[in-house]
Amino acid sequence: MEKKNSIENTINAEHMAFCGFDCARCPMYRATVDNDSALKKALIEKYSTNEKRLTEKDIACFGCKAEKRYIHPFCEECAIRVCAMGRELAYNCGECESYPCAEIEKRIPAGGESRANMDAVKRAETAETP
């Protein structure tokens, strides 16, 4: 329980993706949880292509830790998410003994907010290891 409180006091764990991104800042997530039709329409216009016209059904995501049917396809196929799920991480990749791995180094820039969120979890994990 102490470890959980330490990590949750360090990061916004409720909306934290495995890569350290705060899903609450994602427009797909916001449009879904807020049921914001205007935002959904704006996202449809922004992300539709000649090859693929999106619909409101395509704008549905409750974050990368949600059940599969409620994850945007972009996030569902994310290599970081797939790895973290396989390792049964609870918060983000900062919990992993391999952090920062080659995948993180390649995709998440050092010094950015997402990396800082993972670093914070790693520090909390390390501080509690005797």
Protein backbone atom coordinates (compact mmCIF):
# COMPACT_ATOMS: atom_id res chain seq x y z
CA MET A 1 0.00 0.00 0.00
CA GLU A 2 2.87 2.38 0.81
CA LYS A 3 4.42 1.90 -2.65
CA LYS A 4 1.08 2.58 -4.35
CA ASN A 5 0.57 5.80 -2.39
CA SER A 6 4.12 6.94 -3.10
CA ILE A 7 3.70 6.50 -6.85
CA GLU A 8 0.20 7.96 -6.98
CA ASN A 9 1.38 11.02 -5.06
CA THR A 10 4.17 11.45 -7.63
CA ILE A 11 2.17 11.20 -10.88
CA ASN A 12 -1.42 11.53 -12.09
CA ALA A 13 -1.83 7.75 -12.12
CA GLU A 14 -5.52 7.81 -13.04
CA HIS A 15 -4.87 8.88 -16.64
CA MET A 16 -1.25 7.79 -17.05
CA ALA A 17 -0.37 5.74 -20.13
CA PHE A 18 2.43 3.18 -19.95
CA CYS A 19 4.66 5.54 -21.98
CA GLY A 20 4.23 8.28 -19.37
CA PHE A 21 1.78 10.30 -21.47
CA ASP A 22 -1.16 11.83 -19.60
CA CYS A 23 -4.15 10.47 -21.55
CA ALA A 24 -6.35 13.22 -20.07
CA ARG A 25 -4.52 15.60 -22.43
CA CYS A 26 -5.32 13.54 -25.55
CA PRO A 27 -8.16 14.92 -27.70
CA MET A 28 -9.39 11.39 -28.59
CA TYR A 29 -9.63 10.56 -24.89
CA ARG A 30 -11.26 13.91 -24.03
CA ALA A 31 -13.82 13.58 -26.83
CA THR A 32 -14.73 10.11 -25.55
CA VAL A 33 -14.94 10.67 -21.81
CA ASP A 34 -16.62 14.06 -22.21
CA ASN A 35 -18.90 12.74 -24.98
CA ASP A 36 -18.04 15.93 -26.85
CA SER A 37 -19.71 15.76 -30.29
CA ALA A 38 -18.11 18.99 -31.51
CA LEU A 39 -14.63 17.74 -30.63
CA LYS A 40 -15.38 14.36 -32.25
CA LYS A 41 -16.43 16.14 -35.45
CA ALA A 42 -13.28 18.29 -35.39
CA LEU A 43 -11.11 15.18 -34.93
CA ILE A 44 -12.92 13.42 -37.77
CA GLU A 45 -12.14 16.35 -40.05
CA LYS A 46 -8.55 16.60 -38.88
CA TYR A 47 -7.64 12.91 -39.12
CA SER A 48 -9.77 11.62 -41.99
CA THR A 49 -7.97 10.96 -45.26
CA ASN A 50 -9.09 10.29 -48.81
CA GLU A 51 -8.46 6.60 -48.14
CA LYS A 52 -10.19 6.46 -44.73
CA ARG A 53 -13.07 8.63 -43.68
CA LEU A 54 -13.43 8.43 -39.91
CA THR A 55 -16.76 8.29 -38.12
CA GLU A 56 -17.76 9.08 -34.54
CA LYS A 57 -17.35 5.37 -33.82
CA ASP A 58 -13.63 5.72 -34.67
CA ILE A 59 -13.25 8.47 -32.07
CA ALA A 60 -13.47 6.27 -28.98
CA CYS A 61 -10.72 5.84 -26.42
CA PHE A 62 -10.66 5.48 -22.64
CA GLY A 63 -6.87 5.36 -22.43
CA CYS A 64 -4.25 2.75 -23.14
CA LYS A 65 -5.04 0.74 -20.01
CA ALA A 66 -8.70 0.34 -20.93
CA GLU A 67 -10.25 -2.83 -22.21
CA LYS A 68 -9.29 -3.56 -25.81
CA ARG A 69 -12.61 -2.51 -27.33
CA TYR A 70 -12.24 0.99 -25.85
CA ILE A 71 -8.75 1.83 -27.09
CA HIS A 72 -7.98 3.87 -30.17
CA PRO A 73 -6.29 1.57 -32.74
CA PHE A 74 -3.15 3.72 -32.73
CA CYS A 75 -2.68 3.06 -29.01
CA GLU A 76 -3.88 -0.54 -29.14
CA GLU A 77 -1.00 -1.48 -31.44
CA CYS A 78 1.64 0.56 -29.59
CA ALA A 79 4.78 -1.51 -28.92
CA ILE A 80 5.27 0.15 -25.54
CA ARG A 81 1.71 -0.68 -24.46
CA VAL A 82 1.98 -4.28 -25.67
CA CYS A 83 5.25 -4.76 -23.75
CA ALA A 84 3.94 -3.12 -20.55
CA MET A 85 0.76 -5.22 -20.63
CA GLY A 86 2.84 -8.37 -21.07
CA ARG A 87 4.97 -7.38 -18.07
CA GLU A 88 1.82 -6.57 -16.07
CA LEU A 89 2.94 -3.06 -15.15
CA ALA A 90 0.44 -1.04 -13.14
CA TYR A 91 1.54 2.55 -13.72
CA ASN A 92 4.10 3.10 -16.46
CA CYS A 93 7.38 1.78 -17.82
CA GLY A 94 9.29 3.38 -14.95
CA GLU A 95 8.31 0.28 -12.93
CA CYS A 96 10.16 -2.04 -15.29
CA GLU A 97 13.58 -3.39 -14.36
CA SER A 98 14.67 -2.73 -17.97
CA TYR A 99 13.72 0.96 -17.92
CA PRO A 100 14.78 2.82 -19.96
CA CYS A 101 14.84 0.18 -22.67
CA ALA A 102 15.72 0.65 -26.35
CA GLU A 103 12.03 1.14 -27.26
CA ILE A 104 11.67 3.98 -24.75
CA GLU A 105 14.96 5.53 -25.85
CA LYS A 106 13.79 5.42 -29.47
CA ARG A 107 10.26 6.76 -28.99
CA ILE A 108 10.15 8.96 -25.89
CA PRO A 109 12.59 11.90 -25.77
CA ALA A 110 14.61 12.40 -22.61
CA GLY A 111 13.69 15.65 -20.90
CA GLY A 112 10.04 15.56 -21.99
CA GLU A 113 6.99 15.32 -19.75
CA SER A 114 6.29 11.66 -20.56
CA ARG A 115 9.85 10.66 -19.75
CA ALA A 116 9.71 12.70 -16.53
CA ASN A 117 6.60 10.78 -15.47
CA MET A 118 8.38 7.47 -16.05
CA ASP A 119 11.49 8.73 -14.25
CA ALA A 120 9.34 9.71 -11.26
CA VAL A 121 7.94 6.19 -11.02
CA LYS A 122 11.46 4.72 -11.32
CA ARG A 123 12.65 6.99 -8.49
CA ALA A 124 9.68 5.97 -6.32
CA GLU A 125 10.39 2.30 -7.09
CA THR A 126 14.10 2.70 -6.32
CA ALA A 127 13.48 4.64 -3.09
CA GLU A 128 11.40 1.78 -1.73
CA THR A 129 13.91 -0.94 -2.59
CA PRO A 130 16.00 -1.79 0.47
